[in-house]
């Protein structure tokens, strides 16, 4: 049982928290913005635990969907489902249990959040298969990884105002930035097996595109946070943006030569960009 449990932890990437942190920071930022300050421990717990559970469930679904492709990619060949250490049935069962636990948390909120959770689930299920048909599947992932934003607003306000969708749009560009860096790691393998990714679609424009995606995300969020929502302490937001831009400049040095190591390091460090913006929102509303 201990060995099985260890495999399940590996399946949900428990030792790599960067994945769920990428989802968590924008969701928490939206929660604070929706509430105009601290939203209460109940909603903080629901969003945090729900994010971890759904990201873990998504790993199970993704690994089942990609198991035939992953065995041809050096970085993913030893994943539990791909290597046969965990069966497809086991992975799907674990994913279902984790998703149901996340849904149980959603049931403690309100009707609007519950209804939006079904749309979030549909997008999450669609992403693993988008890589077969969409030239830039990272855009689909961007919607899936940003759906915590409208759900946060729904949980606080029982509705999803236009600013929530603008924040989702901005966050989509951030996902395009960091997941393109991620795709650059596996570009050679993906070309060989016929997988579609933004790194392949963008070609030699990948690095300029990634940096542009970062800037677009920061521009949209700044417009919403300072311009539309009028953050009380705007200086805090601009301080967060400055910290984020410093990280973007660092990422540019990591990915400019397109090495696997540099691109992967940039991807794994991306959650600090989200952390800086969340800290800016909290400080701006304190």
C-alpha atoms as a PDB file:
ATOM      1  CA  UNK A   1       0.000   0.000   0.000  1.00  0.00           C
ATOM      2  CA  UNK A   2       2.866   2.351   0.747  1.00  0.00           C
ATOM      3  CA  UNK A   3       4.306   1.727  -2.718  1.00  0.00           C
ATOM      4  CA  UNK A   4       0.906   2.353  -4.377  1.00  0.00           C
ATOM      5  CA  UNK A   5       0.431   5.545  -2.394  1.00  0.00           C
ATOM      6  CA  UNK A   6       3.852   6.747  -3.516  1.00  0.00           C
ATOM      7  CA  UNK A   7       2.885   6.098  -7.143  1.00  0.00           C
ATOM      8  CA  UNK A   8      -0.363   8.017  -6.715  1.00  0.00           C
ATOM      9  CA  UNK A   9       1.535  10.984  -5.274  1.00  0.00           C
ATOM     10  CA  UNK A  10       3.848  10.850  -8.283  1.00  0.00           C
ATOM     11  CA  UNK A  11       0.813  10.704 -10.587  1.00  0.00           C
ATOM     12  CA  UNK A  12      -0.656  13.920  -9.174  1.00  0.00           C
ATOM     13  CA  UNK A  13       2.799  15.638  -9.164  1.00  0.00           C
ATOM     14  CA  UNK A  14       2.670  16.141  -5.401  1.00  0.00           C
ATOM     15  CA  UNK A  15       6.402  16.866  -5.291  1.00  0.00           C
ATOM     16  CA  UNK A  16       6.002  19.617  -7.901  1.00  0.00           C
ATOM     17  CA  UNK A  17       3.757  22.277  -6.346  1.00  0.00           C
ATOM     18  CA  UNK A  18       4.579  24.854  -9.031  1.00  0.00           C
ATOM     19  CA  UNK A  19       1.683  23.463 -11.087  1.00  0.00           C
ATOM     20  CA  UNK A  20      -1.073  24.200  -8.592  1.00  0.00           C
ATOM     21  CA  UNK A  21       0.544  27.470  -7.513  1.00  0.00           C
ATOM     22  CA  UNK A  22       0.161  28.711 -11.093  1.00  0.00           C
ATOM     23  CA  UNK A  23      -3.589  28.213 -10.704  1.00  0.00           C
ATOM     24  CA  UNK A  24      -3.809  29.397  -7.118  1.00  0.00           C
ATOM     25  CA  UNK A  25      -2.300  32.893  -7.245  1.00  0.00           C
ATOM     26  CA  UNK A  26      -4.657  34.381  -9.875  1.00  0.00           C
ATOM     27  CA  UNK A  27      -7.653  32.711  -8.210  1.00  0.00           C
ATOM     28  CA  UNK A  28      -6.744  34.205  -4.829  1.00  0.00           C
ATOM     29  CA  UNK A  29      -6.112  37.587  -6.447  1.00  0.00           C
ATOM     30  CA  UNK A  30      -9.594  37.454  -7.964  1.00  0.00           C
ATOM     31  CA  UNK A  31     -11.051  36.439  -4.602  1.00  0.00           C
ATOM     32  CA  UNK A  32      -9.525  39.483  -2.873  1.00  0.00           C
ATOM     33  CA  UNK A  33     -10.572  41.822  -5.687  1.00  0.00           C
ATOM     34  CA  UNK A  34     -14.122  40.478  -5.683  1.00  0.00           C
ATOM     35  CA  UNK A  35     -14.412  40.945  -1.915  1.00  0.00           C
ATOM     36  CA  UNK A  36     -12.606  44.283  -1.823  1.00  0.00           C
ATOM     37  CA  UNK A  37     -10.251  42.838   0.790  1.00  0.00           C
ATOM     38  CA  UNK A  38      -9.951  39.696   2.888  1.00  0.00           C
ATOM     39  CA  UNK A  39     -12.791  37.371   1.775  1.00  0.00           C
ATOM     40  CA  UNK A  40     -12.912  35.200   4.902  1.00  0.00           C
ATOM     41  CA  UNK A  41     -11.204  31.927   5.745  1.00  0.00           C
ATOM     42  CA  UNK A  42     -14.011  29.766   4.361  1.00  0.00           C
ATOM     43  CA  UNK A  43     -13.601  30.999   0.773  1.00  0.00           C
ATOM     44  CA  UNK A  44      -9.814  31.057   1.052  1.00  0.00           C
ATOM     45  CA  UNK A  45      -9.885  27.402   2.107  1.00  0.00           C
ATOM     46  CA  UNK A  46     -12.361  26.432  -0.631  1.00  0.00           C
ATOM     47  CA  UNK A  47     -10.311  28.097  -3.370  1.00  0.00           C
ATOM     48  CA  UNK A  48      -6.969  26.792  -2.100  1.00  0.00           C
ATOM     49  CA  UNK A  49      -8.015  23.186  -1.486  1.00  0.00           C
ATOM     50  CA  UNK A  50     -10.218  23.131  -4.584  1.00  0.00           C
ATOM     51  CA  UNK A  51      -7.326  24.321  -6.736  1.00  0.00           C
ATOM     52  CA  UNK A  52      -4.997  21.625  -5.403  1.00  0.00           C
ATOM     53  CA  UNK A  53      -7.608  18.893  -5.833  1.00  0.00           C
ATOM     54  CA  UNK A  54      -8.620  19.889  -9.371  1.00  0.00           C
ATOM     55  CA  UNK A  55      -5.050  20.285 -10.536  1.00  0.00           C
ATOM     56  CA  UNK A  56      -4.315  16.809  -9.164  1.00  0.00           C
ATOM     57  CA  UNK A  57      -7.396  15.396 -10.911  1.00  0.00           C
ATOM     58  CA  UNK A  58      -6.291  17.108 -14.117  1.00  0.00           C
ATOM     59  CA  UNK A  59      -2.910  15.376 -13.927  1.00  0.00           C
ATOM     60  CA  UNK A  60      -4.673  12.007 -13.790  1.00  0.00           C
ATOM     61  CA  UNK A  61      -6.832  12.799 -16.827  1.00  0.00           C
ATOM     62  CA  UNK A  62      -3.957  14.322 -18.789  1.00  0.00           C
ATOM     63  CA  UNK A  63      -1.660  11.344 -18.209  1.00  0.00           C
ATOM     64  CA  UNK A  64      -4.336   8.892 -19.334  1.00  0.00           C
ATOM     65  CA  UNK A  65      -5.069  10.922 -22.469  1.00  0.00           C
ATOM     66  CA  UNK A  66      -1.373  11.372 -23.340  1.00  0.00           C
ATOM     67  CA  UNK A  67      -0.004   7.968 -22.334  1.00  0.00           C
ATOM     68  CA  UNK A  68       0.737   6.887 -25.917  1.00  0.00           C
ATOM     69  CA  UNK A  69       2.514  10.154 -26.682  1.00  0.00           C
ATOM     70  CA  UNK A  70       4.355  10.456 -23.364  1.00  0.00           C
ATOM     71  CA  UNK A  71       6.280   7.217 -23.861  1.00  0.00           C
ATOM     72  CA  UNK A  72       8.101   8.874 -26.788  1.00  0.00           C
ATOM     73  CA  UNK A  73       9.079  11.988 -24.791  1.00  0.00           C
ATOM     74  CA  UNK A  74      12.183  11.734 -22.634  1.00  0.00           C
ATOM     75  CA  UNK A  75      10.804  13.922 -19.820  1.00  0.00           C
ATOM     76  CA  UNK A  76       7.496  12.038 -19.482  1.00  0.00           C
ATOM     77  CA  UNK A  77       8.357   8.437 -20.383  1.00  0.00           C
ATOM     78  CA  UNK A  78       8.509   7.313 -16.747  1.00  0.00           C
ATOM     79  CA  UNK A  79       5.210   8.791 -15.602  1.00  0.00           C
ATOM     80  CA  UNK A  80       3.179   6.167 -13.661  1.00  0.00           C
ATOM     81  CA  UNK A  81       0.451   5.622 -16.272  1.00  0.00           C
ATOM     82  CA  UNK A  82       2.822   5.786 -19.236  1.00  0.00           C
ATOM     83  CA  UNK A  83       5.214   3.267 -17.690  1.00  0.00           C
ATOM     84  CA  UNK A  84       2.345   0.945 -16.714  1.00  0.00           C
ATOM     85  CA  UNK A  85       2.966   1.186 -12.978  1.00  0.00           C
ATOM     86  CA  UNK A  86      -0.541   2.648 -12.534  1.00  0.00           C
ATOM     87  CA  UNK A  87      -3.394   1.348 -14.669  1.00  0.00           C
ATOM     88  CA  UNK A  88      -5.729   3.578 -16.667  1.00  0.00           C
ATOM     89  CA  UNK A  89      -8.638   2.486 -14.476  1.00  0.00           C
ATOM     90  CA  UNK A  90      -6.731   3.389 -11.308  1.00  0.00           C
ATOM     91  CA  UNK A  91      -5.754   6.805 -12.658  1.00  0.00           C
ATOM     92  CA  UNK A  92      -9.310   7.618 -13.756  1.00  0.00           C
ATOM     93  CA  UNK A  93     -10.726   6.436 -10.437  1.00  0.00           C
ATOM     94  CA  UNK A  94      -8.274   8.600  -8.507  1.00  0.00           C
ATOM     95  CA  UNK A  95      -9.052  11.572 -10.728  1.00  0.00           C
ATOM     96  CA  UNK A  96     -12.795  11.085 -10.197  1.00  0.00           C
ATOM     97  CA  UNK A  97     -12.403  10.926  -6.416  1.00  0.00           C
ATOM     98  CA  UNK A  98     -10.304  14.095  -6.363  1.00  0.00           C
ATOM     99  CA  UNK A  99     -12.794  15.936  -8.608  1.00  0.00           C
ATOM    100  CA  UNK A 100     -15.705  14.859  -6.397  1.00  0.00           C
ATOM    101  CA  UNK A 101     -13.881  16.133  -3.320  1.00  0.00           C
ATOM    102  CA  UNK A 102     -13.357  19.477  -5.080  1.00  0.00           C
ATOM    103  CA  UNK A 103     -17.054  19.554  -6.013  1.00  0.00           C
ATOM    104  CA  UNK A 104     -17.974  18.889  -2.372  1.00  0.00           C
ATOM    105  CA  UNK A 105     -16.077  22.058  -1.475  1.00  0.00           C
ATOM    106  CA  UNK A 106     -17.917  24.010  -4.169  1.00  0.00           C
ATOM    107  CA  UNK A 107     -21.234  22.839  -2.693  1.00  0.00           C
ATOM    108  CA  UNK A 108     -20.438  24.890   0.420  1.00  0.00           C
ATOM    109  CA  UNK A 109     -20.574  28.142  -1.601  1.00  0.00           C
ATOM    110  CA  UNK A 110     -23.589  29.263  -3.668  1.00  0.00           C
ATOM    111  CA  UNK A 111     -25.640  28.300  -6.706  1.00  0.00           C
ATOM    112  CA  UNK A 112     -23.737  30.514  -9.159  1.00  0.00           C
ATOM    113  CA  UNK A 113     -20.392  28.966  -8.228  1.00  0.00           C
ATOM    114  CA  UNK A 114     -21.818  25.453  -8.444  1.00  0.00           C
ATOM    115  CA  UNK A 115     -23.161  26.095 -11.951  1.00  0.00           C
ATOM    116  CA  UNK A 116     -19.892  27.625 -13.175  1.00  0.00           C
ATOM    117  CA  UNK A 117     -17.973  24.628 -11.823  1.00  0.00           C
ATOM    118  CA  UNK A 118     -19.518  22.444 -14.543  1.00  0.00           C
ATOM    119  CA  UNK A 119     -18.164  24.763 -17.252  1.00  0.00           C
ATOM    120  CA  UNK A 120     -14.748  24.688 -15.587  1.00  0.00           C
ATOM    121  CA  UNK A 121     -14.791  20.889 -15.572  1.00  0.00           C
ATOM    122  CA  UNK A 122     -15.777  20.737 -19.250  1.00  0.00           C
ATOM    123  CA  UNK A 123     -12.843  22.928 -20.286  1.00  0.00           C
ATOM    124  CA  UNK A 124     -10.439  20.933 -18.104  1.00  0.00           C
ATOM    125  CA  UNK A 125     -11.566  17.689 -19.766  1.00  0.00           C
ATOM    126  CA  UNK A 126     -11.221  19.182 -23.249  1.00  0.00           C
ATOM    127  CA  UNK A 127      -7.623  20.376 -22.905  1.00  0.00           C
ATOM    128  CA  UNK A 128      -5.776  17.018 -23.094  1.00  0.00           C
ATOM    129  CA  UNK A 129      -7.409  16.331 -26.460  1.00  0.00           C
ATOM    130  CA  UNK A 130      -6.922  19.849 -27.834  1.00  0.00           C
ATOM    131  CA  UNK A 131      -3.227  19.043 -28.359  1.00  0.00           C
ATOM    132  CA  UNK A 132      -4.245  16.754 -31.210  1.00  0.00           C
ATOM    133  CA  UNK A 133      -6.280  19.290 -33.174  1.00  0.00           C
ATOM    134  CA  UNK A 134      -5.497  22.885 -32.102  1.00  0.00           C
ATOM    135  CA  UNK A 135      -2.324  24.612 -33.268  1.00  0.00           C
ATOM    136  CA  UNK A 136      -2.020  26.473 -29.975  1.00  0.00           C
ATOM    137  CA  UNK A 137      -3.610  24.213 -27.349  1.00  0.00           C
ATOM    138  CA  UNK A 138      -2.071  26.454 -24.690  1.00  0.00           C
ATOM    139  CA  UNK A 139      -4.998  28.821 -25.359  1.00  0.00           C
ATOM    140  CA  UNK A 140      -7.408  26.080 -24.234  1.00  0.00           C
ATOM    141  CA  UNK A 141      -5.226  25.469 -21.200  1.00  0.00           C
ATOM    142  CA  UNK A 142      -5.305  29.207 -20.571  1.00  0.00           C
ATOM    143  CA  UNK A 143      -9.081  29.129 -20.220  1.00  0.00           C
ATOM    144  CA  UNK A 144      -8.952  26.021 -18.008  1.00  0.00           C
ATOM    145  CA  UNK A 145      -6.222  27.458 -15.764  1.00  0.00           C
ATOM    146  CA  UNK A 146      -8.030  30.809 -15.489  1.00  0.00           C
ATOM    147  CA  UNK A 147     -11.505  29.564 -14.590  1.00  0.00           C
ATOM    148  CA  UNK A 148     -10.801  30.021 -10.906  1.00  0.00           C
ATOM    149  CA  UNK A 149     -11.162  33.760 -11.544  1.00  0.00           C
ATOM    150  CA  UNK A 150     -14.874  33.870 -12.522  1.00  0.00           C
ATOM    151  CA  UNK A 151     -15.610  31.198  -9.926  1.00  0.00           C
ATOM    152  CA  UNK A 152     -13.985  33.362  -7.237  1.00  0.00           C
ATOM    153  CA  UNK A 153     -16.177  36.302  -8.216  1.00  0.00           C
ATOM    154  CA  UNK A 154     -19.238  34.043  -8.271  1.00  0.00           C
ATOM    155  CA  UNK A 155     -18.411  32.751  -4.793  1.00  0.00           C
ATOM    156  CA  UNK A 156     -18.206  36.288  -3.385  1.00  0.00           C
ATOM    157  CA  UNK A 157     -20.801  38.199  -5.433  1.00  0.00           C
ATOM    158  CA  UNK A 158     -23.098  35.390  -6.684  1.00  0.00           C
ATOM    159  CA  UNK A 159     -22.443  36.699 -10.194  1.00  0.00           C
ATOM    160  CA  UNK A 160     -19.595  37.075 -12.680  1.00  0.00           C
ATOM    161  CA  UNK A 161     -19.120  40.745 -13.650  1.00  0.00           C
ATOM    162  CA  UNK A 162     -17.338  41.865 -16.843  1.00  0.00           C
ATOM    163  CA  UNK A 163     -14.109  42.655 -14.963  1.00  0.00           C
ATOM    164  CA  UNK A 164     -13.806  38.955 -14.047  1.00  0.00           C
ATOM    165  CA  UNK A 165     -13.775  37.996 -17.727  1.00  0.00           C
ATOM    166  CA  UNK A 166     -11.186  40.682 -18.446  1.00  0.00           C
ATOM    167  CA  UNK A 167      -8.999  39.251 -15.694  1.00  0.00           C
ATOM    168  CA  UNK A 168      -9.500  35.791 -17.205  1.00  0.00           C
ATOM    169  CA  UNK A 169      -8.430  37.140 -20.603  1.00  0.00           C
ATOM    170  CA  UNK A 170      -5.308  38.666 -19.102  1.00  0.00           C
ATOM    171  CA  UNK A 171      -4.468  35.495 -17.220  1.00  0.00           C
ATOM    172  CA  UNK A 172      -4.885  33.499 -20.435  1.00  0.00           C
ATOM    173  CA  UNK A 173      -1.928  35.425 -21.874  1.00  0.00           C
ATOM    174  CA  UNK A 174       0.149  34.561 -18.803  1.00  0.00           C
ATOM    175  CA  UNK A 175      -0.672  30.877 -19.334  1.00  0.00           C
ATOM    176  CA  UNK A 176       0.328  31.236 -22.986  1.00  0.00           C
ATOM    177  CA  UNK A 177       3.664  32.664 -21.820  1.00  0.00           C
ATOM    178  CA  UNK A 178       4.627  30.029 -19.278  1.00  0.00           C
ATOM    179  CA  UNK A 179       3.183  27.032 -21.093  1.00  0.00           C
ATOM    180  CA  UNK A 180       4.974  28.014 -24.277  1.00  0.00           C
ATOM    181  CA  UNK A 181       8.190  27.955 -22.226  1.00  0.00           C
ATOM    182  CA  UNK A 182       7.121  24.491 -21.055  1.00  0.00           C
ATOM    183  CA  UNK A 183       6.428  23.398 -24.644  1.00  0.00           C
ATOM    184  CA  UNK A 184       9.846  24.644 -25.730  1.00  0.00           C
ATOM    185  CA  UNK A 185      11.382  21.984 -23.478  1.00  0.00           C
ATOM    186  CA  UNK A 186       9.792  19.164 -25.493  1.00  0.00           C
ATOM    187  CA  UNK A 187       9.726  20.760 -28.937  1.00  0.00           C
ATOM    188  CA  UNK A 188      12.015  18.182 -30.604  1.00  0.00           C
ATOM    189  CA  UNK A 189      10.060  15.241 -29.202  1.00  0.00           C
ATOM    190  CA  UNK A 190       6.695  16.838 -30.039  1.00  0.00           C
ATOM    191  CA  UNK A 191       7.761  17.437 -33.635  1.00  0.00           C
ATOM    192  CA  UNK A 192       8.774  13.814 -33.970  1.00  0.00           C
ATOM    193  CA  UNK A 193       5.488  12.391 -32.650  1.00  0.00           C
ATOM    194  CA  UNK A 194       3.196  14.937 -34.328  1.00  0.00           C
ATOM    195  CA  UNK A 195       1.958  16.776 -31.218  1.00  0.00           C
ATOM    196  CA  UNK A 196       0.687  20.345 -31.697  1.00  0.00           C
ATOM    197  CA  UNK A 197       2.055  23.047 -29.362  1.00  0.00           C
ATOM    198  CA  UNK A 198       2.477  26.817 -29.343  1.00  0.00           C
ATOM    199  CA  UNK A 199       6.276  26.387 -29.361  1.00  0.00           C
ATOM    200  CA  UNK A 200       6.026  24.571 -32.709  1.00  0.00           C
ATOM    201  CA  UNK A 201       3.410  26.941 -34.155  1.00  0.00           C
ATOM    202  CA  UNK A 202       5.351  30.076 -33.227  1.00  0.00           C
ATOM    203  CA  UNK A 203       8.661  28.696 -34.533  1.00  0.00           C
ATOM    204  CA  UNK A 204      11.509  31.205 -34.381  1.00  0.00           C
ATOM    205  CA  UNK A 205       9.129  33.813 -32.978  1.00  0.00           C
ATOM    206  CA  UNK A 206       8.651  31.826 -29.777  1.00  0.00           C
ATOM    207  CA  UNK A 207      10.846  33.964 -27.513  1.00  0.00           C
ATOM    208  CA  UNK A 208       9.451  37.360 -28.672  1.00  0.00           C
ATOM    209  CA  UNK A 209       5.929  35.917 -28.405  1.00  0.00           C
ATOM    210  CA  UNK A 210       6.469  34.710 -24.837  1.00  0.00           C
ATOM    211  CA  UNK A 211       7.714  38.132 -23.740  1.00  0.00           C
ATOM    212  CA  UNK A 212       4.782  39.803 -25.514  1.00  0.00           C
ATOM    213  CA  UNK A 213       2.320  37.485 -23.754  1.00  0.00           C
ATOM    214  CA  UNK A 214       3.766  38.531 -20.387  1.00  0.00           C
ATOM    215  CA  UNK A 215       3.427  42.218 -21.224  1.00  0.00           C
ATOM    216  CA  UNK A 216      -0.149  41.841 -22.481  1.00  0.00           C
ATOM    217  CA  UNK A 217      -1.144  40.044 -19.277  1.00  0.00           C
ATOM    218  CA  UNK A 218       0.362  42.753 -17.089  1.00  0.00           C
ATOM    219  CA  UNK A 219      -1.252  45.498 -19.207  1.00  0.00           C
ATOM    220  CA  UNK A 220      -4.755  43.957 -19.011  1.00  0.00           C
ATOM    221  CA  UNK A 221      -4.531  43.277 -15.280  1.00  0.00           C
ATOM    222  CA  UNK A 222      -3.215  46.792 -14.626  1.00  0.00           C
ATOM    223  CA  UNK A 223      -6.112  48.274 -16.578  1.00  0.00           C
ATOM    224  CA  UNK A 224      -8.610  46.250 -14.562  1.00  0.00           C
ATOM    225  CA  UNK A 225      -7.025  46.535 -11.114  1.00  0.00           C
ATOM    226  CA  UNK A 226      -6.040  50.219 -11.219  1.00  0.00           C
ATOM    227  CA  UNK A 227      -8.310  51.617 -13.915  1.00  0.00           C
ATOM    228  CA  UNK A 228     -11.627  49.780 -13.483  1.00  0.00           C
ATOM    229  CA  UNK A 229     -11.521  48.548  -9.887  1.00  0.00           C
ATOM    230  CA  UNK A 230      -9.531  51.547  -8.601  1.00  0.00           C
ATOM    231  CA  UNK A 231      -7.281  49.722  -6.150  1.00  0.00           C
ATOM    232  CA  UNK A 232      -7.057  52.021  -3.084  1.00  0.00           C
ATOM    233  CA  UNK A 233      -3.260  51.879  -2.903  1.00  0.00           C
ATOM    234  CA  UNK A 234      -2.253  51.870  -6.565  1.00  0.00           C
ATOM    235  CA  UNK A 235       1.423  52.205  -5.655  1.00  0.00           C
ATOM    236  CA  UNK A 236       1.299  48.663  -4.239  1.00  0.00           C
ATOM    237  CA  UNK A 237       0.107  47.320  -7.581  1.00  0.00           C
ATOM    238  CA  UNK A 238       2.830  49.095  -9.525  1.00  0.00           C
ATOM    239  CA  UNK A 239       5.409  47.749  -7.097  1.00  0.00           C
ATOM    240  CA  UNK A 240       4.096  44.228  -7.787  1.00  0.00           C
ATOM    241  CA  UNK A 241       4.234  44.876 -11.526  1.00  0.00           C
ATOM    242  CA  UNK A 242       7.849  46.044 -11.216  1.00  0.00           C
ATOM    243  CA  UNK A 243       8.760  42.819  -9.396  1.00  0.00           C
ATOM    244  CA  UNK A 244       6.937  40.791 -12.061  1.00  0.00           C
ATOM    245  CA  UNK A 245       8.727  42.642 -14.878  1.00  0.00           C
ATOM    246  CA  UNK A 246      12.083  41.945 -13.239  1.00  0.00           C
ATOM    247  CA  UNK A 247      11.215  38.256 -13.291  1.00  0.00           C
ATOM    248  CA  UNK A 248      10.132  38.460 -16.928  1.00  0.00           C
ATOM    249  CA  UNK A 249      13.506  40.009 -17.793  1.00  0.00           C
ATOM    250  CA  UNK A 250      15.205  37.116 -15.997  1.00  0.00           C
ATOM    251  CA  UNK A 251      13.076  34.609 -17.899  1.00  0.00           C
ATOM    252  CA  UNK A 252      14.163  36.236 -21.148  1.00  0.00           C
ATOM    253  CA  UNK A 253      17.774  35.393 -20.318  1.00  0.00           C
ATOM    254  CA  UNK A 254      16.803  31.806 -19.504  1.00  0.00           C
ATOM    255  CA  UNK A 255      14.881  31.081 -22.722  1.00  0.00           C
ATOM    256  CA  UNK A 256      16.826  33.136 -25.261  1.00  0.00           C
ATOM    257  CA  UNK A 257      19.038  30.170 -26.224  1.00  0.00           C
ATOM    258  CA  UNK A 258      16.055  27.753 -26.148  1.00  0.00           C
ATOM    259  CA  UNK A 259      17.880  25.146 -24.067  1.00  0.00           C
ATOM    260  CA  UNK A 260      15.766  22.497 -22.329  1.00  0.00           C
ATOM    261  CA  UNK A 261      17.232  23.367 -18.946  1.00  0.00           C
ATOM    262  CA  UNK A 262      16.722  27.113 -19.320  1.00  0.00           C
ATOM    263  CA  UNK A 263      13.156  26.852 -20.590  1.00  0.00           C
ATOM    264  CA  UNK A 264      12.178  24.396 -17.871  1.00  0.00           C
ATOM    265  CA  UNK A 265      13.728  26.576 -15.172  1.00  0.00           C
ATOM    266  CA  UNK A 266      11.792  29.588 -16.473  1.00  0.00           C
ATOM    267  CA  UNK A 267       8.541  27.611 -16.460  1.00  0.00           C
ATOM    268  CA  UNK A 268       9.007  26.335 -12.913  1.00  0.00           C
ATOM    269  CA  UNK A 269       9.761  29.840 -11.612  1.00  0.00           C
ATOM    270  CA  UNK A 270       6.631  31.372 -13.130  1.00  0.00           C
ATOM    271  CA  UNK A 271       4.494  31.037 -10.047  1.00  0.00           C
ATOM    272  CA  UNK A 272       6.557  33.821  -8.464  1.00  0.00           C
ATOM    273  CA  UNK A 273       5.124  36.216 -11.059  1.00  0.00           C
ATOM    274  CA  UNK A 274       1.623  35.317  -9.871  1.00  0.00           C
ATOM    275  CA  UNK A 275       2.744  35.541  -6.253  1.00  0.00           C
ATOM    276  CA  UNK A 276       4.064  39.080  -6.775  1.00  0.00           C
ATOM    277  CA  UNK A 277       0.759  40.225  -8.275  1.00  0.00           C
ATOM    278  CA  UNK A 278      -1.261  38.565  -5.509  1.00  0.00           C
ATOM    279  CA  UNK A 279       0.879  40.256  -2.859  1.00  0.00           C
ATOM    280  CA  UNK A 280       0.324  43.568  -4.636  1.00  0.00           C
ATOM    281  CA  UNK A 281      -3.463  43.069  -4.589  1.00  0.00           C
ATOM    282  CA  UNK A 282      -3.465  42.149  -0.882  1.00  0.00           C
ATOM    283  CA  UNK A 283      -1.271  45.124   0.025  1.00  0.00           C
ATOM    284  CA  UNK A 284      -3.299  47.452  -2.171  1.00  0.00           C
ATOM    285  CA  UNK A 285      -6.523  46.451  -0.420  1.00  0.00           C
ATOM    286  CA  UNK A 286      -5.134  46.137   3.117  1.00  0.00           C
END
